[in-house]
Amino acid sequence: PFIGSFAEFVTGRVYDQLRQEVSYGATNVKIASSHAGITLGEDGATH
């Protein structure tokens, strides 16, 4: 499975789940993180 969302939402918002359900068991999940960094532009700091 590839899971996709904005970088902020698919890392910080779900960090506990990534740690416990994906990383801890070396589970074969692919995290697709878009809109990363300041080049997201006008959406501002929250994103």
All heavy atoms as atom14 arrays in JSON, in Angstrom:
{
  "sequence": "PFIGSFAEFVTGRVYDQLRQEVSYGATNVKIASSHAGITLGEDGATH",
  "atom14_mask": [
    [1, 1, 1, 1, 1, 1, 1, 0, 0, 0, 0, 0, 0, 0],
    [1, 1, 1, 1, 1, 1, 1, 1, 1, 1, 1, 0, 0, 0],
    [1, 1, 1, 1, 1, 1, 1, 1, 0, 0, 0, 0, 0, 0],
    [1, 1, 1, 1, 0, 0, 0, 0, 0, 0, 0, 0, 0, 0],
    [1, 1, 1, 1, 1, 1, 0, 0, 0, 0, 0, 0, 0, 0],
    [1, 1, 1, 1, 1, 1, 1, 1, 1, 1, 1, 0, 0, 0],
    [1, 1, 1, 1, 1, 0, 0, 0, 0, 0, 0, 0, 0, 0],
    [1, 1, 1, 1, 1, 1, 1, 1, 1, 0, 0, 0, 0, 0],
    [1, 1, 1, 1, 1, 1, 1, 1, 1, 1, 1, 0, 0, 0],
    [1, 1, 1, 1, 1, 1, 1, 0, 0, 0, 0, 0, 0, 0],
    [1, 1, 1, 1, 1, 1, 1, 0, 0, 0, 0, 0, 0, 0],
    [1, 1, 1, 1, 0, 0, 0, 0, 0, 0, 0, 0, 0, 0],
    [1, 1, 1, 1, 1, 1, 1, 1, 1, 1, 1, 0, 0, 0],
    [1, 1, 1, 1, 1, 1, 1, 0, 0, 0, 0, 0, 0, 0],
    [1, 1, 1, 1, 1, 1, 1, 1, 1, 1, 1, 1, 0, 0],
    [1, 1, 1, 1, 1, 1, 1, 1, 0, 0, 0, 0, 0, 0],
    [1, 1, 1, 1, 1, 1, 1, 1, 1, 0, 0, 0, 0, 0],
    [1, 1, 1, 1, 1, 1, 1, 1, 0, 0, 0, 0, 0, 0],
    [1, 1, 1, 1, 1, 1, 1, 1, 1, 1, 1, 0, 0, 0],
    [1, 1, 1, 1, 1, 1, 1, 1, 1, 0, 0, 0, 0, 0],
    [1, 1, 1, 1, 1, 1, 1, 1, 1, 0, 0, 0, 0, 0],
    [1, 1, 1, 1, 1, 1, 1, 0, 0, 0, 0, 0, 0, 0],
    [1, 1, 1, 1, 1, 1, 0, 0, 0, 0, 0, 0, 0, 0],
    [1, 1, 1, 1, 1, 1, 1, 1, 1, 1, 1, 1, 0, 0],
    [1, 1, 1, 1, 0, 0, 0, 0, 0, 0, 0, 0, 0, 0],
    [1, 1, 1, 1, 1, 0, 0, 0, 0, 0, 0, 0, 0, 0],
    [1, 1, 1, 1, 1, 1, 1, 0, 0, 0, 0, 0, 0, 0],
    [1, 1, 1, 1, 1, 1, 1, 1, 0, 0, 0, 0, 0, 0],
    [1, 1, 1, 1, 1, 1, 1, 0, 0, 0, 0, 0, 0, 0],
    [1, 1, 1, 1, 1, 1, 1, 1, 1, 0, 0, 0, 0, 0],
    [1, 1, 1, 1, 1, 1, 1, 1, 0, 0, 0, 0, 0, 0],
    [1, 1, 1, 1, 1, 0, 0, 0, 0, 0, 0, 0, 0, 0],
    [1, 1, 1, 1, 1, 1, 0, 0, 0, 0, 0, 0, 0, 0],
    [1, 1, 1, 1, 1, 1, 0, 0, 0, 0, 0, 0, 0, 0],
    [1, 1, 1, 1, 1, 1, 1, 1, 1, 1, 0, 0, 0, 0],
    [1, 1, 1, 1, 1, 0, 0, 0, 0, 0, 0, 0, 0, 0],
    [1, 1, 1, 1, 0, 0, 0, 0, 0, 0, 0, 0, 0, 0],
    [1, 1, 1, 1, 1, 1, 1, 1, 0, 0, 0, 0, 0, 0],
    [1, 1, 1, 1, 1, 1, 1, 0, 0, 0, 0, 0, 0, 0],
    [1, 1, 1, 1, 1, 1, 1, 1, 0, 0, 0, 0, 0, 0],
    [1, 1, 1, 1, 0, 0, 0, 0, 0, 0, 0, 0, 0, 0],
    [1, 1, 1, 1, 1, 1, 1, 1, 1, 0, 0, 0, 0, 0],
    [1, 1, 1, 1, 1, 1, 1, 1, 0, 0, 0, 0, 0, 0],
    [1, 1, 1, 1, 0, 0, 0, 0, 0, 0, 0, 0, 0, 0],
    [1, 1, 1, 1, 1, 0, 0, 0, 0, 0, 0, 0, 0, 0],
    [1, 1, 1, 1, 1, 1, 1, 0, 0, 0, 0, 0, 0, 0],
    [1, 1, 1, 1, 1, 1, 1, 1, 1, 1, 0, 0, 0, 0]
  ],
  "atom14_positions": [
    [[0.81, -1.22, 0.0], [0.0, 0.0, 0.0], [0.84, 1.27, 0.0], [1.81, 1.4, 0.74], [-0.8, -0.12, 1.3], [0.08, -0.92, 2.2], [0.85, -1.87, 1.32], [0.0, 0.0, 0.0], [0.0, 0.0, 0.0], [0.0, 0.0, 0.0], [0.0, 0.0, 0.0], [0.0, 0.0, 0.0], [0.0, 0.0, 0.0], [0.0, 0.0, 0.0]],
    [[0.44, 2.23, -0.84], [0.96, 3.59, -0.81], [-0.1, 4.47, -0.17], [-1.25, 4.49, -0.63], [1.25, 4.1, -2.22], [2.53, 3.61, -2.82], [2.62, 2.32, -3.34], [3.65, 4.43, -2.89], [3.8, 1.86, -3.9], [4.84, 3.98, -3.46], [4.91, 2.69, -3.96], [0.0, 0.0, 0.0], [0.0, 0.0, 0.0], [0.0, 0.0, 0.0]],
    [[0.26, 5.19, 0.89], [-0.68, 6.13, 1.49], [-0.23, 7.54, 1.12], [0.95, 7.88, 1.21], [-0.76, 5.96, 3.02], [0.6, 6.16, 3.7], [-1.32, 4.58, 3.36], [0.52, 6.17, 5.22], [0.0, 0.0, 0.0], [0.0, 0.0, 0.0], [0.0, 0.0, 0.0], [0.0, 0.0, 0.0], [0.0, 0.0, 0.0], [0.0, 0.0, 0.0]],
    [[-1.16, 8.37, 0.69], [-0.8, 9.69, 0.19], [-1.56, 10.81, 0.84], [-2.78, 10.75, 1.0], [0.0, 0.0, 0.0], [0.0, 0.0, 0.0], [0.0, 0.0, 0.0], [0.0, 0.0, 0.0], [0.0, 0.0, 0.0], [0.0, 0.0, 0.0], [0.0, 0.0, 0.0], [0.0, 0.0, 0.0], [0.0, 0.0, 0.0], [0.0, 0.0, 0.0]],
    [[-0.83, 11.87, 1.22], [-1.43, 13.09, 1.73], [-0.38, 14.19, 1.69], [0.74, 13.99, 1.23], [-1.93, 12.88, 3.17], [-2.65, 14.03, 3.61], [0.0, 0.0, 0.0], [0.0, 0.0, 0.0], [0.0, 0.0, 0.0], [0.0, 0.0, 0.0], [0.0, 0.0, 0.0], [0.0, 0.0, 0.0], [0.0, 0.0, 0.0], [0.0, 0.0, 0.0]],
    [[-0.75, 15.38, 2.16], [0.22, 16.45, 2.29], [1.26, 16.04, 3.33], [0.95, 15.33, 4.3], [-0.45, 17.75, 2.73], [-1.31, 18.4, 1.68], [-2.04, 19.53, 2.0], [-1.4, 17.9, 0.4], [-2.83, 20.15, 1.04], [-2.19, 18.5, -0.56], [-2.92, 19.64, -0.23], [0.0, 0.0, 0.0], [0.0, 0.0, 0.0], [0.0, 0.0, 0.0]],
    [[2.48, 16.53, 3.17], [3.58, 16.13, 4.06], [3.27, 16.38, 5.52], [3.58, 15.55, 6.39], [4.86, 16.87, 3.66], [0.0, 0.0, 0.0], [0.0, 0.0, 0.0], [0.0, 0.0, 0.0], [0.0, 0.0, 0.0], [0.0, 0.0, 0.0], [0.0, 0.0, 0.0], [0.0, 0.0, 0.0], [0.0, 0.0, 0.0], [0.0, 0.0, 0.0]],
    [[2.66, 17.5, 5.82], [2.34, 17.81, 7.21], [1.37, 16.8, 7.81], [1.5, 16.38, 8.96], [1.76, 19.23, 7.31], [1.2, 19.6, 8.67], [2.22, 19.51, 9.79], [3.43, 19.65, 9.53], [1.79, 19.3, 10.94], [0.0, 0.0, 0.0], [0.0, 0.0, 0.0], [0.0, 0.0, 0.0], [0.0, 0.0, 0.0], [0.0, 0.0, 0.0]],
    [[0.39, 16.37, 7.0], [-0.67, 15.5, 7.51], [-0.23, 14.04, 7.61], [-0.74, 13.3, 8.44], [-1.91, 15.59, 6.62], [-2.44, 16.98, 6.45], [-3.16, 17.33, 5.31], [-2.22, 17.96, 7.41], [-3.66, 18.61, 5.15], [-2.71, 19.24, 7.25], [-3.43, 19.57, 6.12], [0.0, 0.0, 0.0], [0.0, 0.0, 0.0], [0.0, 0.0, 0.0]],
    [[0.69, 13.62, 6.74], [1.07, 12.21, 6.69], [2.34, 11.93, 7.49], [2.86, 10.82, 7.47], [1.21, 11.75, 5.22], [2.56, 12.13, 4.62], [0.93, 10.26, 5.08], [0.0, 0.0, 0.0], [0.0, 0.0, 0.0], [0.0, 0.0, 0.0], [0.0, 0.0, 0.0], [0.0, 0.0, 0.0], [0.0, 0.0, 0.0], [0.0, 0.0, 0.0]],
    [[2.82, 12.95, 8.22], [3.96, 12.73, 9.13], [3.58, 13.16, 10.54], [3.34, 12.34, 11.41], [5.22, 13.48, 8.66], [4.94, 14.89, 8.57], [5.68, 12.98, 7.32], [0.0, 0.0, 0.0], [0.0, 0.0, 0.0], [0.0, 0.0, 0.0], [0.0, 0.0, 0.0], [0.0, 0.0, 0.0], [0.0, 0.0, 0.0], [0.0, 0.0, 0.0]],
    [[3.48, 14.47, 10.77], [3.22, 14.97, 12.11], [1.88, 14.56, 12.67], [1.77, 14.18, 13.84], [0.0, 0.0, 0.0], [0.0, 0.0, 0.0], [0.0, 0.0, 0.0], [0.0, 0.0, 0.0], [0.0, 0.0, 0.0], [0.0, 0.0, 0.0], [0.0, 0.0, 0.0], [0.0, 0.0, 0.0], [0.0, 0.0, 0.0], [0.0, 0.0, 0.0]],
    [[0.84, 14.6, 11.86], [-0.51, 14.3, 12.35], [-0.65, 12.84, 12.75], [-1.44, 12.49, 13.63], [-1.54, 14.66, 11.29], [-2.98, 14.37, 11.68], [-3.96, 14.91, 10.67], [-4.01, 16.37, 10.69], [-4.81, 17.1, 9.91], [-5.61, 16.49, 9.03], [-4.81, 18.41, 9.97], [0.0, 0.0, 0.0], [0.0, 0.0, 0.0], [0.0, 0.0, 0.0]],
    [[0.13, 11.95, 12.12], [-0.04, 10.5, 12.34], [1.25, 9.86, 12.85], [1.46, 8.66, 12.65], [-0.51, 9.81, 11.04], [-1.87, 10.33, 10.63], [0.5, 10.03, 9.9], [0.0, 0.0, 0.0], [0.0, 0.0, 0.0], [0.0, 0.0, 0.0], [0.0, 0.0, 0.0], [0.0, 0.0, 0.0], [0.0, 0.0, 0.0], [0.0, 0.0, 0.0]],
    [[2.07, 10.62, 13.54], [3.39, 10.09, 13.92], [3.28, 8.87, 14.82], [4.05, 7.92, 14.69], [4.22, 11.19, 14.59], [5.7, 10.88, 14.61], [6.43, 10.83, 13.42], [6.38, 10.62, 15.8], [7.78, 10.55, 13.42], [7.73, 10.34, 15.81], [8.44, 10.31, 14.61], [9.78, 10.02, 14.62], [0.0, 0.0, 0.0], [0.0, 0.0, 0.0]],
    [[2.35, 8.88, 15.74], [2.19, 7.72, 16.63], [1.84, 6.47, 15.83], [2.4, 5.39, 16.05], [1.1, 8.0, 17.67], [0.89, 6.82, 18.6], [1.85, 6.41, 19.27], [-0.25, 6.31, 18.65], [0.0, 0.0, 0.0], [0.0, 0.0, 0.0], [0.0, 0.0, 0.0], [0.0, 0.0, 0.0], [0.0, 0.0, 0.0], [0.0, 0.0, 0.0]],
    [[0.93, 6.61, 14.87], [0.54, 5.45, 14.06], [1.7, 4.97, 13.2], [1.9, 3.76, 13.04], [-0.67, 5.81, 13.18], [-1.99, 5.89, 13.91], [-2.11, 7.15, 14.75], [-1.48, 8.17, 14.46], [-2.93, 7.08, 15.79], [0.0, 0.0, 0.0], [0.0, 0.0, 0.0], [0.0, 0.0, 0.0], [0.0, 0.0, 0.0], [0.0, 0.0, 0.0]],
    [[2.46, 5.9, 12.64], [3.62, 5.5, 11.83], [4.65, 4.75, 12.68], [5.23, 3.76, 12.24], [4.27, 6.73, 11.19], [3.48, 7.43, 10.09], [4.2, 8.68, 9.62], [3.21, 6.5, 8.91], [0.0, 0.0, 0.0], [0.0, 0.0, 0.0], [0.0, 0.0, 0.0], [0.0, 0.0, 0.0], [0.0, 0.0, 0.0], [0.0, 0.0, 0.0]],
    [[4.84, 5.22, 13.89], [5.82, 4.56, 14.77], [5.33, 3.17, 15.18], [6.07, 2.18, 15.07], [6.06, 5.41, 16.02], [7.1, 4.82, 16.97], [7.21, 5.63, 18.26], [8.33, 5.17, 19.06], [8.25, 4.15, 19.93], [7.12, 3.5, 20.09], [9.32, 3.79, 20.63], [0.0, 0.0, 0.0], [0.0, 0.0, 0.0], [0.0, 0.0, 0.0]],
    [[4.1, 3.09, 15.66], [3.63, 1.86, 16.25], [3.19, 0.82, 15.23], [3.41, -0.39, 15.42], [2.44, 2.15, 17.19], [2.7, 3.21, 18.25], [3.71, 2.77, 19.29], [4.88, 2.57, 18.98], [3.26, 2.59, 20.52], [0.0, 0.0, 0.0], [0.0, 0.0, 0.0], [0.0, 0.0, 0.0], [0.0, 0.0, 0.0], [0.0, 0.0, 0.0]],
    [[2.58, 1.26, 14.14], [1.96, 0.33, 13.2], [2.8, 0.08, 11.95], [2.57, -0.92, 11.26], [0.58, 0.85, 12.81], [-0.37, 0.99, 13.98], [-1.67, 1.69, 13.63], [-2.01, 1.75, 12.42], [-2.34, 2.19, 14.54], [0.0, 0.0, 0.0], [0.0, 0.0, 0.0], [0.0, 0.0, 0.0], [0.0, 0.0, 0.0], [0.0, 0.0, 0.0]],
    [[3.74, 0.97, 11.66], [4.53, 0.82, 10.44], [6.0, 0.58, 10.77], [6.56, -0.48, 10.45], [4.39, 2.06, 9.52], [5.28, 1.92, 8.29], [2.93, 2.23, 9.1], [0.0, 0.0, 0.0], [0.0, 0.0, 0.0], [0.0, 0.0, 0.0], [0.0, 0.0, 0.0], [0.0, 0.0, 0.0], [0.0, 0.0, 0.0], [0.0, 0.0, 0.0]],
    [[6.64, 1.52, 11.44], [8.07, 1.41, 11.69], [8.41, 0.27, 12.65], [9.34, -0.5, 12.4], [8.59, 2.74, 12.26], [9.96, 2.66, 12.54], [0.0, 0.0, 0.0], [0.0, 0.0, 0.0], [0.0, 0.0, 0.0], [0.0, 0.0, 0.0], [0.0, 0.0, 0.0], [0.0, 0.0, 0.0], [0.0, 0.0, 0.0], [0.0, 0.0, 0.0]],
    [[7.68, 0.15, 13.74], [8.01, -0.83, 14.77], [8.05, -2.26, 14.22], [8.9, -3.06, 14.59], [7.0, -0.73, 15.92], [7.28, -1.67, 17.07], [8.47, -1.58, 17.79], [6.35, -2.63, 17.43], [8.73, -2.45, 18.84], [6.59, -3.49, 18.49], [7.78, -3.4, 19.19], [8.03, -4.25, 20.23], [0.0, 0.0, 0.0], [0.0, 0.0, 0.0]],
    [[7.14, -2.57, 13.32], [7.12, -3.91, 12.73], [7.74, -3.98, 11.35], [7.62, -5.0, 10.68], [0.0, 0.0, 0.0], [0.0, 0.0, 0.0], [0.0, 0.0, 0.0], [0.0, 0.0, 0.0], [0.0, 0.0, 0.0], [0.0, 0.0, 0.0], [0.0, 0.0, 0.0], [0.0, 0.0, 0.0], [0.0, 0.0, 0.0], [0.0, 0.0, 0.0]],
    [[8.43, -2.91, 10.94], [9.01, -2.84, 9.59], [7.96, -3.23, 8.54], [8.22, -3.98, 7.61], [10.25, -3.72, 9.47], [0.0, 0.0, 0.0], [0.0, 0.0, 0.0], [0.0, 0.0, 0.0], [0.0, 0.0, 0.0], [0.0, 0.0, 0.0], [0.0, 0.0, 0.0], [0.0, 0.0, 0.0], [0.0, 0.0, 0.0], [0.0, 0.0, 0.0]],
    [[6.75, -2.69, 8.72], [5.62, -3.03, 7.86], [5.8, -2.4, 6.48], [6.24, -1.26, 6.36], [4.32, -2.55, 8.51], [4.28, -3.01, 9.87], [3.12, -3.1, 7.78], [0.0, 0.0, 0.0], [0.0, 0.0, 0.0], [0.0, 0.0, 0.0], [0.0, 0.0, 0.0], [0.0, 0.0, 0.0], [0.0, 0.0, 0.0], [0.0, 0.0, 0.0]],
    [[5.4, -3.12, 5.46], [5.68, -2.74, 4.08], [4.7, -1.68, 3.56], [3.96, -1.89, 2.6], [5.65, -3.98, 3.18], [6.28, -3.74, 1.82], [7.17, -2.9, 1.68], [5.81, -4.46, 0.83], [0.0, 0.0, 0.0], [0.0, 0.0, 0.0], [0.0, 0.0, 0.0], [0.0, 0.0, 0.0], [0.0, 0.0, 0.0], [0.0, 0.0, 0.0]],
    [[4.71, -0.51, 4.22], [3.85, 0.61, 3.84], [4.7, 1.71, 3.22], [5.79, 2.02, 3.74], [3.09, 1.16, 5.06], [2.3, 2.42, 4.7], [2.16, 0.09, 5.63], [0.0, 0.0, 0.0], [0.0, 0.0, 0.0], [0.0, 0.0, 0.0], [0.0, 0.0, 0.0], [0.0, 0.0, 0.0], [0.0, 0.0, 0.0], [0.0, 0.0, 0.0]],
    [[4.24, 2.31, 2.15], [4.94, 3.41, 1.49], [4.19, 4.71, 1.77], [2.99, 4.81, 1.48], [5.02, 3.17, -0.02], [5.34, 1.72, -0.42], [6.62, 1.18, 0.17], [6.77, -0.31, -0.16], [7.98, -0.89, 0.44], [0.0, 0.0, 0.0], [0.0, 0.0, 0.0], [0.0, 0.0, 0.0], [0.0, 0.0, 0.0], [0.0, 0.0, 0.0]],
    [[4.89, 5.69, 2.31], [4.28, 6.96, 2.69], [4.6, 7.98, 1.61], [5.76, 8.37, 1.44], [4.78, 7.42, 4.06], [4.45, 6.37, 5.13], [4.18, 8.76, 4.44], [5.67, 5.73, 5.74], [0.0, 0.0, 0.0], [0.0, 0.0, 0.0], [0.0, 0.0, 0.0], [0.0, 0.0, 0.0], [0.0, 0.0, 0.0], [0.0, 0.0, 0.0]],
    [[3.59, 8.4, 0.88], [3.76, 9.35, -0.22], [3.39, 10.74, 0.28], [2.24, 11.01, 0.6], [2.88, 8.95, -1.4], [0.0, 0.0, 0.0], [0.0, 0.0, 0.0], [0.0, 0.0, 0.0], [0.0, 0.0, 0.0], [0.0, 0.0, 0.0], [0.0, 0.0, 0.0], [0.0, 0.0, 0.0], [0.0, 0.0, 0.0], [0.0, 0.0, 0.0]],
    [[4.38, 11.61, 0.32], [4.26, 12.91, 0.99], [4.42, 14.03, -0.02], [5.52, 14.3, -0.49], [5.33, 12.98, 2.08], [5.62, 14.31, 2.42], [0.0, 0.0, 0.0], [0.0, 0.0, 0.0], [0.0, 0.0, 0.0], [0.0, 0.0, 0.0], [0.0, 0.0, 0.0], [0.0, 0.0, 0.0], [0.0, 0.0, 0.0], [0.0, 0.0, 0.0]],
    [[3.33, 14.71, -0.32], [3.37, 15.8, -1.29], [3.28, 17.15, -0.59], [3.03, 17.24, 0.61], [2.22, 15.66, -2.29], [2.31, 16.65, -3.3], [0.0, 0.0, 0.0], [0.0, 0.0, 0.0], [0.0, 0.0, 0.0], [0.0, 0.0, 0.0], [0.0, 0.0, 0.0], [0.0, 0.0, 0.0], [0.0, 0.0, 0.0], [0.0, 0.0, 0.0]],
    [[3.51, 18.22, -1.36], [3.41, 19.59, -0.86], [4.36, 19.82, 0.31], [4.03, 20.5, 1.29], [1.97, 19.91, -0.45], [0.99, 19.91, -1.59], [0.79, 18.81, -2.4], [0.16, 20.88, -2.05], [-0.12, 19.09, -3.31], [-0.52, 20.34, -3.13], [0.0, 0.0, 0.0], [0.0, 0.0, 0.0], [0.0, 0.0, 0.0], [0.0, 0.0, 0.0]],
    [[5.55, 19.24, 0.23], [6.54, 19.39, 1.29], [7.35, 20.67, 1.1], [7.53, 21.15, -0.03], [7.48, 18.19, 1.32], [0.0, 0.0, 0.0], [0.0, 0.0, 0.0], [0.0, 0.0, 0.0], [0.0, 0.0, 0.0], [0.0, 0.0, 0.0], [0.0, 0.0, 0.0], [0.0, 0.0, 0.0], [0.0, 0.0, 0.0], [0.0, 0.0, 0.0]],
    [[7.86, 21.24, 2.2], [8.77, 22.38, 2.14], [8.06, 23.7, 1.88], [6.85, 23.77, 1.69], [0.0, 0.0, 0.0], [0.0, 0.0, 0.0], [0.0, 0.0, 0.0], [0.0, 0.0, 0.0], [0.0, 0.0, 0.0], [0.0, 0.0, 0.0], [0.0, 0.0, 0.0], [0.0, 0.0, 0.0], [0.0, 0.0, 0.0], [0.0, 0.0, 0.0]],
    [[8.86, 24.77, 1.85], [8.28, 26.1, 1.66], [7.85, 26.36, 0.23], [7.1, 27.3, -0.03], [9.23, 27.22, 2.12], [10.55, 27.17, 1.34], [9.47, 27.17, 3.61], [11.4, 28.41, 1.56], [0.0, 0.0, 0.0], [0.0, 0.0, 0.0], [0.0, 0.0, 0.0], [0.0, 0.0, 0.0], [0.0, 0.0, 0.0], [0.0, 0.0, 0.0]],
    [[8.28, 25.52, -0.72], [7.84, 25.71, -2.11], [6.37, 25.36, -2.29], [5.84, 25.54, -3.4], [8.7, 24.88, -3.08], [8.78, 23.53, -2.63], [10.09, 25.46, -3.22], [0.0, 0.0, 0.0], [0.0, 0.0, 0.0], [0.0, 0.0, 0.0], [0.0, 0.0, 0.0], [0.0, 0.0, 0.0], [0.0, 0.0, 0.0], [0.0, 0.0, 0.0]],
    [[5.7, 24.91, -1.24], [4.24, 24.82, -1.29], [3.66, 26.21, -1.56], [2.61, 26.34, -2.19], [3.71, 24.25, 0.03], [2.2, 24.21, 0.21], [1.52, 23.5, -0.94], [1.84, 23.54, 1.53], [0.0, 0.0, 0.0], [0.0, 0.0, 0.0], [0.0, 0.0, 0.0], [0.0, 0.0, 0.0], [0.0, 0.0, 0.0], [0.0, 0.0, 0.0]],
    [[4.37, 27.24, -1.08], [4.02, 28.61, -1.47], [2.96, 29.27, -0.64], [3.04, 29.33, 0.59], [0.0, 0.0, 0.0], [0.0, 0.0, 0.0], [0.0, 0.0, 0.0], [0.0, 0.0, 0.0], [0.0, 0.0, 0.0], [0.0, 0.0, 0.0], [0.0, 0.0, 0.0], [0.0, 0.0, 0.0], [0.0, 0.0, 0.0], [0.0, 0.0, 0.0]],
    [[1.92, 29.74, -1.3], [0.94, 30.64, -0.69], [0.12, 30.0, 0.44], [-0.53, 30.71, 1.21], [0.0, 31.2, -1.76], [0.65, 32.16, -2.74], [1.38, 31.48, -3.88], [1.49, 30.23, -3.87], [1.85, 32.19, -4.8], [0.0, 0.0, 0.0], [0.0, 0.0, 0.0], [0.0, 0.0, 0.0], [0.0, 0.0, 0.0], [0.0, 0.0, 0.0]],
    [[0.12, 28.67, 0.55], [-0.66, 28.02, 1.61], [-0.13, 28.34, 3.01], [-0.84, 28.17, 3.99], [-0.67, 26.5, 1.41], [-1.58, 26.08, 0.26], [-2.0, 26.97, -0.51], [-1.85, 24.89, 0.12], [0.0, 0.0, 0.0], [0.0, 0.0, 0.0], [0.0, 0.0, 0.0], [0.0, 0.0, 0.0], [0.0, 0.0, 0.0], [0.0, 0.0, 0.0]],
    [[1.12, 28.74, 3.11], [1.64, 29.25, 4.37], [2.17, 28.21, 5.34], [2.21, 27.01, 5.06], [0.0, 0.0, 0.0], [0.0, 0.0, 0.0], [0.0, 0.0, 0.0], [0.0, 0.0, 0.0], [0.0, 0.0, 0.0], [0.0, 0.0, 0.0], [0.0, 0.0, 0.0], [0.0, 0.0, 0.0], [0.0, 0.0, 0.0], [0.0, 0.0, 0.0]],
    [[2.55, 28.69, 6.53], [3.32, 27.9, 7.49], [2.59, 26.67, 8.0], [3.22, 25.66, 8.31], [3.71, 28.79, 8.67], [0.0, 0.0, 0.0], [0.0, 0.0, 0.0], [0.0, 0.0, 0.0], [0.0, 0.0, 0.0], [0.0, 0.0, 0.0], [0.0, 0.0, 0.0], [0.0, 0.0, 0.0], [0.0, 0.0, 0.0], [0.0, 0.0, 0.0]],
    [[1.27, 26.72, 8.1], [0.55, 25.57, 8.65], [0.69, 24.33, 7.77], [0.6, 23.2, 8.26], [-0.95, 25.89, 8.83], [-1.49, 26.32, 7.56], [-1.15, 26.98, 9.87], [0.0, 0.0, 0.0], [0.0, 0.0, 0.0], [0.0, 0.0, 0.0], [0.0, 0.0, 0.0], [0.0, 0.0, 0.0], [0.0, 0.0, 0.0], [0.0, 0.0, 0.0]],
    [[0.91, 24.53, 6.48], [1.02, 23.41, 5.55], [2.45, 23.18, 5.06], [2.74, 22.11, 4.53], [0.12, 23.65, 4.32], [-1.33, 23.48, 4.6], [-1.96, 24.05, 5.68], [-2.3, 22.78, 3.94], [-3.24, 23.74, 5.67], [-3.48, 22.97, 4.62], [0.0, 0.0, 0.0], [0.0, 0.0, 0.0], [0.0, 0.0, 0.0], [0.0, 0.0, 0.0]]
  ]
}
